[in-house]
């Protein structure tokens, strides 16, 4: 069977008492809202992601959202190639982000999408697992964006819980691959959100 053929898997889309699709829609919607709140003079500001400006961080998420559509629909990496390389935001980053979010959510929400297998750089991966990775990225980078722009850092507690239940089994791999920095120490009584942000290598008290 070729790598770009769509294969079906059992649908196990309920996680932590929250439907995966619902969590995905909410996480991407909140991210799009935070992009809309970015002020014109903030796009070159630093973020908690070392070396990334606000624009670069948003571009990264738009890049992921653009990739989601072909991959979830069975395309191989070679089919997509460098289609989404470079700056994707154009003159209206907020509108671009909303469009990318809408396309990604529609693709993931299609009947049977979560039961497929997608080709990633790490190998063939259940679509459900791929969507969980994307969900975590949007939640944590949503916090990054809020911290960088002086927005409301409070994350949806259900989304925090959902990502926190999934992440421990993947934390070592993320760190070994250089995707996240070393975990940050937080007090024993830190909130679930602060513990999650710290596990992803961010200081919950980060300031520009």
N, C-alpha and C. Protein backbone atom coordinates (compact mmCIF):
# COMPACT_ATOMS: atom_id res chain seq x y z
N UNK A 1 0.85 -1.20 0.00
CA UNK A 1 0.00 0.00 0.00
C UNK A 1 0.88 1.24 0.00
N UNK A 2 0.62 2.18 -0.89
CA UNK A 2 1.46 3.37 -0.99
C UNK A 2 1.24 4.29 0.19
N UNK A 3 2.25 5.15 0.47
CA UNK A 3 2.21 6.00 1.67
C UNK A 3 1.10 7.01 1.62
N UNK A 4 0.65 7.37 0.41
CA UNK A 4 -0.35 8.43 0.34
C UNK A 4 -1.77 7.90 0.22
N UNK A 5 -1.93 6.59 0.38
CA UNK A 5 -3.29 6.06 0.38
C UNK A 5 -3.92 6.28 1.75
N UNK A 6 -5.19 6.56 1.76
CA UNK A 6 -5.91 6.80 3.01
C UNK A 6 -6.31 5.47 3.61
N UNK A 7 -5.86 5.21 4.82
CA UNK A 7 -6.20 3.97 5.51
C UNK A 7 -7.09 4.27 6.70
N UNK A 8 -8.02 3.40 6.97
CA UNK A 8 -8.99 3.63 8.02
C UNK A 8 -8.58 2.96 9.32
N UNK A 9 -8.85 3.62 10.41
CA UNK A 9 -8.58 3.08 11.74
C UNK A 9 -9.83 3.27 12.60
N UNK A 10 -9.94 2.49 13.68
CA UNK A 10 -11.07 2.72 14.59
C UNK A 10 -11.04 4.13 15.12
N UNK A 11 -12.20 4.73 15.30
CA UNK A 11 -12.29 6.11 15.77
C UNK A 11 -12.35 6.12 17.29
N UNK A 12 -11.24 6.59 17.92
CA UNK A 12 -11.19 6.69 19.39
C UNK A 12 -11.00 8.16 19.73
N UNK A 13 -12.01 8.95 19.43
CA UNK A 13 -11.82 10.40 19.44
C UNK A 13 -12.22 11.09 20.73
N UNK A 14 -12.59 10.32 21.76
CA UNK A 14 -12.92 10.96 23.04
C UNK A 14 -11.69 10.92 23.93
N UNK A 15 -11.26 12.06 24.42
CA UNK A 15 -10.09 12.15 25.26
C UNK A 15 -10.40 13.00 26.47
N UNK A 16 -10.11 12.43 27.64
CA UNK A 16 -10.28 13.20 28.87
C UNK A 16 -11.68 13.77 29.03
N UNK A 17 -12.70 13.05 28.55
CA UNK A 17 -14.07 13.52 28.70
C UNK A 17 -14.43 14.61 27.71
N UNK A 18 -13.56 14.91 26.78
CA UNK A 18 -13.80 15.98 25.82
C UNK A 18 -13.60 15.43 24.42
N UNK A 19 -14.54 15.66 23.53
CA UNK A 19 -14.39 15.18 22.17
C UNK A 19 -13.18 15.85 21.51
N UNK A 20 -12.37 15.04 20.83
CA UNK A 20 -11.17 15.57 20.20
C UNK A 20 -11.51 16.65 19.18
N UNK A 21 -12.53 16.43 18.37
CA UNK A 21 -12.89 17.44 17.38
C UNK A 21 -13.32 18.74 18.03
N UNK A 22 -14.09 18.64 19.11
CA UNK A 22 -14.51 19.84 19.81
C UNK A 22 -13.30 20.58 20.37
N UNK A 23 -12.37 19.82 20.96
CA UNK A 23 -11.16 20.44 21.51
C UNK A 23 -10.36 21.11 20.40
N UNK A 24 -10.26 20.45 19.26
CA UNK A 24 -9.50 21.00 18.15
C UNK A 24 -10.11 22.30 17.64
N UNK A 25 -11.41 22.28 17.46
CA UNK A 25 -12.09 23.50 16.99
C UNK A 25 -11.88 24.65 17.97
N UNK A 26 -12.02 24.36 19.25
CA UNK A 26 -11.89 25.41 20.26
C UNK A 26 -10.46 25.96 20.31
N UNK A 27 -9.48 25.07 20.25
CA UNK A 27 -8.08 25.51 20.33
C UNK A 27 -7.72 26.38 19.13
N UNK A 28 -8.13 25.96 17.94
CA UNK A 28 -7.80 26.75 16.76
C UNK A 28 -8.59 28.05 16.72
N UNK A 29 -9.81 28.01 17.20
CA UNK A 29 -10.60 29.24 17.26
C UNK A 29 -9.99 30.25 18.21
N UNK A 30 -9.52 29.79 19.37
CA UNK A 30 -8.89 30.70 20.32
C UNK A 30 -7.59 31.26 19.76
N UNK A 31 -6.85 30.42 19.05
CA UNK A 31 -5.62 30.92 18.43
C UNK A 31 -5.94 32.01 17.41
N UNK A 32 -6.94 31.79 16.56
CA UNK A 32 -7.31 32.79 15.56
C UNK A 32 -7.74 34.09 16.22
N UNK A 33 -8.47 33.99 17.33
CA UNK A 33 -8.88 35.19 18.06
C UNK A 33 -7.66 35.96 18.56
N UNK A 34 -6.65 35.24 19.04
CA UNK A 34 -5.45 35.91 19.54
C UNK A 34 -4.68 36.58 18.41
N UNK A 35 -4.68 35.96 17.24
CA UNK A 35 -4.02 36.59 16.10
C UNK A 35 -4.74 37.88 15.73
N UNK A 36 -6.06 37.86 15.75
CA UNK A 36 -6.84 39.05 15.42
C UNK A 36 -6.52 40.20 16.38
N UNK A 37 -6.16 39.87 17.62
CA UNK A 37 -5.89 40.89 18.63
C UNK A 37 -4.49 41.49 18.53
N UNK A 38 -3.63 40.95 17.68
CA UNK A 38 -2.28 41.49 17.55
C UNK A 38 -2.35 42.89 16.95
N UNK A 39 -1.68 43.84 17.59
CA UNK A 39 -1.68 45.22 17.10
C UNK A 39 -0.62 45.40 16.02
N UNK A 40 -0.81 46.37 15.13
CA UNK A 40 0.10 46.53 13.98
C UNK A 40 1.58 46.61 14.36
N UNK A 41 1.90 47.25 15.47
CA UNK A 41 3.30 47.41 15.82
C UNK A 41 3.91 46.24 16.54
N UNK A 42 3.18 45.13 16.71
CA UNK A 42 3.65 44.02 17.52
C UNK A 42 4.21 42.84 16.72
N UNK A 43 4.13 42.89 15.41
CA UNK A 43 4.49 41.71 14.63
C UNK A 43 5.97 41.36 14.70
N UNK A 44 6.82 42.31 15.01
CA UNK A 44 8.25 42.03 15.12
C UNK A 44 8.69 41.84 16.57
N UNK A 45 7.76 41.82 17.51
CA UNK A 45 8.09 41.65 18.93
C UNK A 45 8.57 40.22 19.21
N UNK A 46 9.40 40.05 20.25
CA UNK A 46 9.87 38.70 20.61
C UNK A 46 8.76 37.88 21.27
N UNK A 47 8.93 36.59 21.28
CA UNK A 47 7.96 35.67 21.90
C UNK A 47 8.71 34.73 22.84
N UNK A 48 7.99 33.95 23.64
CA UNK A 48 8.67 32.95 24.48
C UNK A 48 9.39 31.87 23.68
N UNK A 49 9.10 31.74 22.39
CA UNK A 49 9.84 30.82 21.52
C UNK A 49 11.11 31.52 21.07
N UNK A 50 12.22 31.17 21.66
CA UNK A 50 13.48 31.87 21.42
C UNK A 50 13.78 31.96 19.93
N UNK A 51 14.04 33.18 19.48
CA UNK A 51 14.39 33.39 18.08
C UNK A 51 13.21 33.66 17.17
N UNK A 52 12.00 33.53 17.68
CA UNK A 52 10.81 33.76 16.87
C UNK A 52 10.14 35.07 17.25
N UNK A 53 9.83 35.86 16.25
CA UNK A 53 8.99 37.04 16.47
C UNK A 53 7.52 36.61 16.46
N UNK A 54 6.65 37.56 16.77
CA UNK A 54 5.22 37.29 16.71
C UNK A 54 4.82 36.83 15.31
N UNK A 55 5.31 37.50 14.30
CA UNK A 55 4.96 37.12 12.93
C UNK A 55 5.44 35.71 12.60
N UNK A 56 6.66 35.38 13.01
CA UNK A 56 7.20 34.06 12.74
C UNK A 56 6.42 32.97 13.47
N UNK A 57 6.01 33.26 14.69
CA UNK A 57 5.22 32.29 15.44
C UNK A 57 3.87 32.04 14.76
N UNK A 58 3.19 33.11 14.36
CA UNK A 58 1.90 32.96 13.69
C UNK A 58 2.08 32.25 12.36
N UNK A 59 3.14 32.59 11.64
CA UNK A 59 3.40 31.93 10.36
C UNK A 59 3.60 30.42 10.55
N UNK A 60 4.25 30.04 11.63
CA UNK A 60 4.46 28.62 11.93
C UNK A 60 3.14 27.89 12.08
N UNK A 61 2.20 28.48 12.80
CA UNK A 61 0.90 27.83 12.99
C UNK A 61 0.09 27.81 11.71
N UNK A 62 0.16 28.88 10.93
CA UNK A 62 -0.53 28.89 9.63
C UNK A 62 0.07 27.81 8.72
N UNK A 63 1.38 27.68 8.77
CA UNK A 63 2.07 26.63 8.02
C UNK A 63 1.52 25.25 8.40
N UNK A 64 1.39 25.00 9.69
CA UNK A 64 0.84 23.72 10.14
C UNK A 64 -0.59 23.53 9.67
N UNK A 65 -1.38 24.59 9.74
CA UNK A 65 -2.79 24.48 9.34
C UNK A 65 -2.91 24.23 7.83
N UNK A 66 -2.04 24.85 7.04
CA UNK A 66 -2.08 24.61 5.60
C UNK A 66 -1.68 23.17 5.28
N UNK A 67 -0.69 22.66 5.98
CA UNK A 67 -0.26 21.29 5.76
C UNK A 67 -1.35 20.27 6.14
N UNK A 68 -2.14 20.61 7.14
CA UNK A 68 -3.13 19.67 7.65
C UNK A 68 -4.07 19.19 6.55
N UNK A 69 -4.48 20.08 5.68
CA UNK A 69 -5.50 19.72 4.67
C UNK A 69 -5.02 18.62 3.74
N UNK A 70 -3.88 18.78 3.06
CA UNK A 70 -3.46 17.69 2.19
C UNK A 70 -3.09 16.41 2.94
N UNK A 71 -2.44 16.53 4.10
CA UNK A 71 -2.02 15.34 4.81
C UNK A 71 -3.21 14.53 5.31
N UNK A 72 -4.20 15.21 5.85
CA UNK A 72 -5.36 14.49 6.38
C UNK A 72 -6.16 13.85 5.25
N UNK A 73 -5.98 14.37 4.04
CA UNK A 73 -6.67 13.82 2.88
C UNK A 73 -5.84 12.81 2.11
N UNK A 74 -4.71 12.38 2.69
CA UNK A 74 -3.96 11.27 2.13
C UNK A 74 -2.76 11.61 1.30
N UNK A 75 -2.38 12.89 1.20
CA UNK A 75 -1.21 13.25 0.41
C UNK A 75 0.08 12.80 1.09
N UNK A 76 1.06 12.42 0.29
CA UNK A 76 2.39 12.13 0.80
C UNK A 76 3.17 13.44 0.94
N UNK A 77 4.21 13.42 1.76
CA UNK A 77 5.02 14.62 1.94
C UNK A 77 5.56 15.12 0.61
N UNK A 78 5.96 14.20 -0.24
CA UNK A 78 6.52 14.60 -1.54
C UNK A 78 5.48 15.27 -2.42
N UNK A 79 4.22 14.93 -2.22
CA UNK A 79 3.15 15.55 -3.01
C UNK A 79 3.05 17.05 -2.70
N UNK A 80 3.28 17.40 -1.45
CA UNK A 80 3.15 18.79 -1.00
C UNK A 80 4.44 19.56 -1.28
N UNK A 81 5.57 18.90 -1.03
CA UNK A 81 6.86 19.52 -1.33
C UNK A 81 7.06 20.82 -0.57
N UNK A 82 7.46 21.87 -1.29
CA UNK A 82 7.75 23.16 -0.65
C UNK A 82 6.62 24.17 -0.86
N UNK A 83 5.42 23.67 -1.09
CA UNK A 83 4.29 24.54 -1.40
C UNK A 83 4.05 25.60 -0.33
N UNK A 84 4.31 25.26 0.92
CA UNK A 84 3.98 26.18 2.01
C UNK A 84 5.21 26.80 2.67
N UNK A 85 6.32 26.77 1.97
CA UNK A 85 7.53 27.38 2.54
C UNK A 85 7.46 28.91 2.43
N UNK A 86 8.22 29.58 3.29
CA UNK A 86 8.29 31.03 3.25
C UNK A 86 7.18 31.69 4.05
N UNK A 87 7.07 32.98 3.88
CA UNK A 87 6.05 33.75 4.61
C UNK A 87 4.68 33.52 3.96
N UNK A 88 3.74 33.07 4.78
CA UNK A 88 2.39 32.76 4.29
C UNK A 88 1.37 33.81 4.67
N UNK A 89 1.76 34.81 5.46
CA UNK A 89 0.79 35.71 6.08
C UNK A 89 0.35 36.86 5.18
N UNK A 90 1.20 37.30 4.28
CA UNK A 90 0.82 38.38 3.38
C UNK A 90 0.55 39.68 4.12
N UNK A 91 -0.31 40.49 3.53
CA UNK A 91 -0.60 41.82 4.07
C UNK A 91 -1.66 41.80 5.17
N UNK A 92 -2.36 40.70 5.33
CA UNK A 92 -3.43 40.61 6.33
C UNK A 92 -3.27 39.30 7.11
N UNK A 93 -2.31 39.26 8.05
CA UNK A 93 -2.05 38.02 8.77
C UNK A 93 -3.27 37.46 9.50
N UNK A 94 -4.09 38.34 10.07
CA UNK A 94 -5.25 37.85 10.81
C UNK A 94 -6.23 37.13 9.89
N UNK A 95 -6.50 37.71 8.72
CA UNK A 95 -7.42 37.07 7.78
C UNK A 95 -6.83 35.75 7.27
N UNK A 96 -5.53 35.74 7.03
CA UNK A 96 -4.87 34.52 6.57
C UNK A 96 -4.96 33.43 7.62
N UNK A 97 -4.73 33.80 8.89
CA UNK A 97 -4.81 32.81 9.96
C UNK A 97 -6.22 32.27 10.09
N UNK A 98 -7.23 33.12 10.01
CA UNK A 98 -8.61 32.65 10.12
C UNK A 98 -8.95 31.70 8.97
N UNK A 99 -8.47 32.01 7.78
CA UNK A 99 -8.73 31.15 6.62
C UNK A 99 -8.05 29.80 6.79
N UNK A 100 -6.80 29.81 7.25
CA UNK A 100 -6.06 28.55 7.44
C UNK A 100 -6.72 27.70 8.52
N UNK A 101 -7.16 28.34 9.60
CA UNK A 101 -7.85 27.62 10.67
C UNK A 101 -9.13 26.99 10.14
N UNK A 102 -9.91 27.74 9.39
CA UNK A 102 -11.18 27.22 8.86
C UNK A 102 -10.94 26.02 7.96
N UNK A 103 -9.93 26.08 7.11
CA UNK A 103 -9.64 24.97 6.22
C UNK A 103 -9.18 23.74 7.00
N UNK A 104 -8.35 23.96 8.00
CA UNK A 104 -7.85 22.84 8.80
C UNK A 104 -8.97 22.17 9.58
N UNK A 105 -9.80 22.97 10.21
CA UNK A 105 -10.92 22.42 10.99
C UNK A 105 -11.87 21.64 10.08
N UNK A 106 -12.14 22.16 8.89
CA UNK A 106 -13.04 21.47 7.96
C UNK A 106 -12.45 20.12 7.56
N UNK A 107 -11.15 20.08 7.29
CA UNK A 107 -10.52 18.82 6.88
C UNK A 107 -10.55 17.79 8.00
N UNK A 108 -10.23 18.21 9.21
CA UNK A 108 -10.19 17.29 10.34
C UNK A 108 -11.60 16.82 10.72
N UNK A 109 -12.60 17.67 10.49
CA UNK A 109 -13.97 17.35 10.86
C UNK A 109 -14.70 16.49 9.83
N UNK A 110 -14.10 16.25 8.69
CA UNK A 110 -14.76 15.47 7.64
C UNK A 110 -15.03 14.05 8.14
N UNK A 111 -16.12 13.44 7.72
CA UNK A 111 -16.44 12.08 8.16
C UNK A 111 -15.27 11.12 7.92
N UNK A 112 -14.89 10.40 8.96
CA UNK A 112 -13.83 9.41 8.84
C UNK A 112 -12.42 9.94 8.90
N UNK A 113 -12.25 11.25 9.00
CA UNK A 113 -10.90 11.82 8.94
C UNK A 113 -10.01 11.30 10.07
N UNK A 114 -10.56 11.19 11.26
CA UNK A 114 -9.75 10.78 12.41
C UNK A 114 -9.37 9.30 12.38
N UNK A 115 -9.99 8.53 11.51
CA UNK A 115 -9.67 7.10 11.43
C UNK A 115 -8.62 6.80 10.36
N UNK A 116 -8.07 7.85 9.73
CA UNK A 116 -7.10 7.65 8.68
C UNK A 116 -5.67 7.57 9.23
N UNK A 117 -4.73 7.35 8.34
CA UNK A 117 -3.30 7.38 8.66
C UNK A 117 -2.67 8.45 7.79
N UNK A 118 -1.78 9.25 8.37
CA UNK A 118 -1.11 10.31 7.62
C UNK A 118 0.39 10.05 7.59
N UNK A 119 1.02 10.54 6.55
CA UNK A 119 2.47 10.43 6.45
C UNK A 119 3.10 11.69 7.04
N UNK A 120 3.90 11.53 8.09
CA UNK A 120 4.65 12.62 8.69
C UNK A 120 6.14 12.35 8.51
N UNK A 121 6.95 13.33 8.84
CA UNK A 121 8.40 13.13 8.72
C UNK A 121 8.88 12.02 9.66
N UNK A 122 8.13 11.77 10.73
CA UNK A 122 8.47 10.72 11.68
C UNK A 122 7.94 9.36 11.26
N UNK A 123 7.19 9.31 10.16
CA UNK A 123 6.64 8.04 9.69
C UNK A 123 5.13 8.07 9.64
N UNK A 124 4.53 6.98 9.18
CA UNK A 124 3.08 6.88 9.14
C UNK A 124 2.50 6.99 10.54
N UNK A 125 1.49 7.84 10.70
CA UNK A 125 0.95 8.18 12.02
C UNK A 125 -0.57 8.18 11.96
N UNK A 126 -1.24 7.61 12.98
CA UNK A 126 -2.70 7.71 13.01
C UNK A 126 -3.13 9.18 12.97
N UNK A 127 -4.13 9.48 12.18
CA UNK A 127 -4.59 10.86 12.07
C UNK A 127 -5.00 11.41 13.43
N UNK A 128 -5.57 10.57 14.25
CA UNK A 128 -5.98 11.02 15.59
C UNK A 128 -4.79 11.54 16.38
N UNK A 129 -3.66 10.84 16.30
CA UNK A 129 -2.45 11.27 17.01
C UNK A 129 -1.91 12.57 16.40
N UNK A 130 -1.95 12.67 15.09
CA UNK A 130 -1.52 13.89 14.41
C UNK A 130 -2.34 15.08 14.88
N UNK A 131 -3.64 14.90 15.00
CA UNK A 131 -4.52 15.99 15.44
C UNK A 131 -4.23 16.36 16.89
N UNK A 132 -3.90 15.39 17.71
CA UNK A 132 -3.54 15.70 19.10
C UNK A 132 -2.28 16.56 19.15
N UNK A 133 -1.31 16.25 18.29
CA UNK A 133 -0.10 17.05 18.23
C UNK A 133 -0.41 18.48 17.82
N UNK A 134 -1.25 18.62 16.81
CA UNK A 134 -1.63 19.95 16.34
C UNK A 134 -2.40 20.71 17.43
N UNK A 135 -3.27 20.01 18.13
CA UNK A 135 -4.03 20.62 19.22
C UNK A 135 -3.07 21.19 20.27
N UNK A 136 -2.11 20.38 20.69
CA UNK A 136 -1.16 20.84 21.70
C UNK A 136 -0.38 22.05 21.21
N UNK A 137 0.03 22.02 19.95
CA UNK A 137 0.82 23.13 19.41
C UNK A 137 0.01 24.43 19.42
N UNK A 138 -1.25 24.35 19.06
CA UNK A 138 -2.08 25.56 19.05
C UNK A 138 -2.36 26.08 20.45
N UNK A 139 -2.55 25.18 21.40
CA UNK A 139 -2.80 25.62 22.78
C UNK A 139 -1.57 26.32 23.34
N UNK A 140 -0.40 25.68 23.23
CA UNK A 140 0.81 26.24 23.83
C UNK A 140 1.25 27.50 23.08
N UNK A 141 1.21 27.47 21.76
CA UNK A 141 1.59 28.67 21.00
C UNK A 141 0.56 29.78 21.17
N UNK A 142 -0.68 29.41 21.48
CA UNK A 142 -1.66 30.44 21.81
C UNK A 142 -1.24 31.20 23.05
N UNK A 143 -0.73 30.46 24.03
CA UNK A 143 -0.19 31.11 25.24
C UNK A 143 1.01 31.97 24.87
N UNK A 144 1.91 31.45 24.04
CA UNK A 144 3.07 32.22 23.60
C UNK A 144 2.64 33.56 23.00
N UNK A 145 1.64 33.48 22.14
CA UNK A 145 1.19 34.70 21.45
C UNK A 145 0.60 35.70 22.43
N UNK A 146 -0.20 35.21 23.36
CA UNK A 146 -0.78 36.10 24.37
C UNK A 146 0.30 36.74 25.22
N UNK A 147 1.29 35.94 25.63
CA UNK A 147 2.38 36.47 26.45
C UNK A 147 3.18 37.52 25.69
N UNK A 148 3.39 37.29 24.42
CA UNK A 148 4.21 38.21 23.61
C UNK A 148 3.51 39.53 23.34
N UNK A 149 2.19 39.51 23.29
CA UNK A 149 1.43 40.70 22.87
C UNK A 149 0.67 41.36 24.00
N UNK A 150 0.88 40.88 25.23
CA UNK A 150 0.18 41.48 26.36
C UNK A 150 -1.29 41.11 26.42
N UNK A 151 -1.66 39.99 25.81
CA UNK A 151 -3.05 39.55 25.82
C UNK A 151 -3.37 38.74 27.06
N UNK A 152 -4.56 38.19 27.09
CA UNK A 152 -5.02 37.36 28.19
C UNK A 152 -4.36 35.99 28.07
N UNK A 153 -3.52 35.64 29.04
CA UNK A 153 -2.80 34.37 28.98
C UNK A 153 -3.63 33.18 29.43
N UNK A 154 -4.78 33.42 29.97
CA UNK A 154 -5.58 32.31 30.49
C UNK A 154 -6.05 31.41 29.35
N UNK A 155 -5.75 30.12 29.49
CA UNK A 155 -6.17 29.14 28.50
C UNK A 155 -7.45 28.44 28.98
N UNK A 156 -8.17 27.90 28.04
CA UNK A 156 -9.37 27.12 28.35
C UNK A 156 -8.95 25.94 29.25
N UNK A 157 -9.48 25.85 30.48
CA UNK A 157 -9.06 24.78 31.39
C UNK A 157 -9.27 23.38 30.81
N UNK A 158 -10.33 23.18 30.03
CA UNK A 158 -10.55 21.87 29.43
C UNK A 158 -9.47 21.53 28.41
N UNK A 159 -9.03 22.54 27.67
CA UNK A 159 -7.95 22.31 26.71
C UNK A 159 -6.64 22.03 27.43
N UNK A 160 -6.38 22.74 28.50
CA UNK A 160 -5.19 22.48 29.30
C UNK A 160 -5.20 21.04 29.80
N UNK A 161 -6.34 20.61 30.32
CA UNK A 161 -6.45 19.26 30.85
C UNK A 161 -6.25 18.22 29.74
N UNK A 162 -6.83 18.47 28.60
CA UNK A 162 -6.72 17.54 27.48
C UNK A 162 -5.27 17.38 27.04
N UNK A 163 -4.56 18.49 26.87
CA UNK A 163 -3.16 18.42 26.46
C UNK A 163 -2.30 17.82 27.56
N UNK A 164 -2.58 18.17 28.81
CA UNK A 164 -1.79 17.67 29.93
C UNK A 164 -1.92 16.16 30.10
N UNK A 165 -3.06 15.60 29.75
CA UNK A 165 -3.24 14.15 29.85
C UNK A 165 -2.49 13.43 28.73
N UNK A 166 -2.35 14.07 27.59
CA UNK A 166 -1.69 13.45 26.44
C UNK A 166 -0.17 13.60 26.48
N UNK A 167 0.33 14.73 26.98
CA UNK A 167 1.71 15.11 26.78
C UNK A 167 2.76 14.26 27.49
N UNK A 168 2.55 13.77 28.71
CA UNK A 168 3.63 13.06 29.40
C UNK A 168 4.23 11.91 28.61
N UNK A 169 3.44 11.20 27.85
CA UNK A 169 3.96 10.07 27.07
C UNK A 169 4.81 10.54 25.89
N UNK A 170 4.76 11.83 25.57
CA UNK A 170 5.47 12.35 24.40
C UNK A 170 6.55 13.37 24.76
N UNK A 171 6.60 13.76 26.02
CA UNK A 171 7.49 14.85 26.43
C UNK A 171 8.94 14.54 26.13
N UNK A 172 9.41 13.33 26.45
CA UNK A 172 10.82 12.99 26.23
C UNK A 172 11.17 13.06 24.75
N UNK A 173 10.27 12.58 23.90
CA UNK A 173 10.52 12.62 22.46
C UNK A 173 10.57 14.03 21.93
N UNK A 174 9.67 14.89 22.40
CA UNK A 174 9.68 16.29 22.00
C UNK A 174 11.01 16.94 22.37
N UNK A 175 11.47 16.64 23.58
CA UNK A 175 12.70 17.29 24.06
C UNK A 175 13.92 16.73 23.32
N UNK A 176 13.96 15.43 23.12
CA UNK A 176 15.09 14.82 22.43
C UNK A 176 15.19 15.32 20.99
N UNK A 177 14.06 15.61 20.38
CA UNK A 177 14.05 16.10 19.02
C UNK A 177 14.28 17.59 18.90
N UNK A 178 14.43 18.28 20.03
CA UNK A 178 14.70 19.71 20.01
C UNK A 178 13.47 20.57 19.81
N UNK A 179 12.28 19.97 19.93
CA UNK A 179 11.06 20.74 19.71
C UNK A 179 10.74 21.65 20.90
N UNK A 180 11.20 21.28 22.09
CA UNK A 180 10.97 22.08 23.28
C UNK A 180 12.25 22.17 24.10
N UNK A 181 12.33 23.21 24.92
CA UNK A 181 13.48 23.38 25.82
C UNK A 181 13.28 22.53 27.08
N UNK A 182 14.27 22.57 27.94
CA UNK A 182 14.15 21.86 29.22
C UNK A 182 12.96 22.39 30.01
N UNK A 183 12.32 21.52 30.75
CA UNK A 183 11.19 21.92 31.58
C UNK A 183 11.63 22.97 32.60
N UNK A 184 10.73 23.88 32.89
CA UNK A 184 11.00 24.95 33.86
C UNK A 184 10.42 24.56 35.21
N UNK A 185 11.18 24.79 36.27
CA UNK A 185 10.69 24.48 37.61
C UNK A 185 9.58 25.46 38.00
N UNK A 186 8.52 24.93 38.58
CA UNK A 186 7.43 25.75 39.09
C UNK A 186 7.09 25.28 40.50
N UNK A 187 6.46 26.13 41.31
CA UNK A 187 6.11 25.73 42.67
C UNK A 187 5.18 24.52 42.70
N UNK A 188 5.19 23.81 43.81
CA UNK A 188 4.35 22.63 43.95
C UNK A 188 2.87 22.95 43.81
N UNK A 189 2.49 24.18 44.18
CA UNK A 189 1.09 24.56 44.10
C UNK A 189 0.76 25.32 42.81
N UNK A 190 1.62 25.20 41.80
CA UNK A 190 1.37 25.89 40.52
C UNK A 190 0.08 25.38 39.90
N UNK A 191 -0.57 26.24 39.15
CA UNK A 191 -1.82 25.88 38.50
C UNK A 191 -1.57 24.85 37.40
N UNK A 192 -2.62 24.10 37.00
CA UNK A 192 -2.45 23.15 35.89
C UNK A 192 -1.91 23.82 34.63
N UNK A 193 -2.37 25.05 34.36
CA UNK A 193 -1.88 25.75 33.17
C UNK A 193 -0.38 26.03 33.30
N UNK A 194 0.06 26.54 34.44
CA UNK A 194 1.47 26.85 34.61
C UNK A 194 2.33 25.59 34.54
N UNK A 195 1.82 24.47 35.08
CA UNK A 195 2.58 23.23 35.00
C UNK A 195 2.71 22.76 33.55
N UNK A 196 1.65 22.93 32.77
CA UNK A 196 1.71 22.53 31.37
C UNK A 196 2.69 23.41 30.60
N UNK A 197 2.59 24.72 30.78
CA UNK A 197 3.48 25.64 30.08
C UNK A 197 4.93 25.36 30.45
N UNK A 198 5.18 25.08 31.73
CA UNK A 198 6.54 24.78 32.19
C UNK A 198 7.05 23.48 31.59
N UNK A 199 6.19 22.48 31.46
CA UNK A 199 6.58 21.20 30.87
C UNK A 199 6.99 21.37 29.42
N UNK A 200 6.39 22.36 28.75
CA UNK A 200 6.74 22.65 27.37
C UNK A 200 7.95 23.59 27.26
N UNK A 201 8.65 23.81 28.37
CA UNK A 201 9.89 24.57 28.34
C UNK A 201 9.72 26.08 28.39
N UNK A 202 8.54 26.53 28.84
CA UNK A 202 8.30 27.97 28.96
C UNK A 202 8.26 28.37 30.43
N UNK A 203 8.70 29.58 30.70
CA UNK A 203 8.54 30.17 32.02
C UNK A 203 7.17 30.81 32.07
N UNK A 204 6.27 30.32 32.96
CA UNK A 204 4.93 30.90 33.02
C UNK A 204 4.92 32.40 33.31
N UNK A 205 6.00 32.89 33.92
CA UNK A 205 6.08 34.33 34.23
C UNK A 205 6.83 35.13 33.18
N UNK A 206 7.05 34.56 32.00
CA UNK A 206 7.84 35.21 30.95
C UNK A 206 7.29 36.60 30.62
N UNK A 207 8.22 37.53 30.45
CA UNK A 207 7.86 38.88 29.99
C UNK A 207 8.77 39.27 28.83
N UNK A 208 8.28 40.06 27.89
CA UNK A 208 9.14 40.49 26.77
C UNK A 208 10.37 41.24 27.28
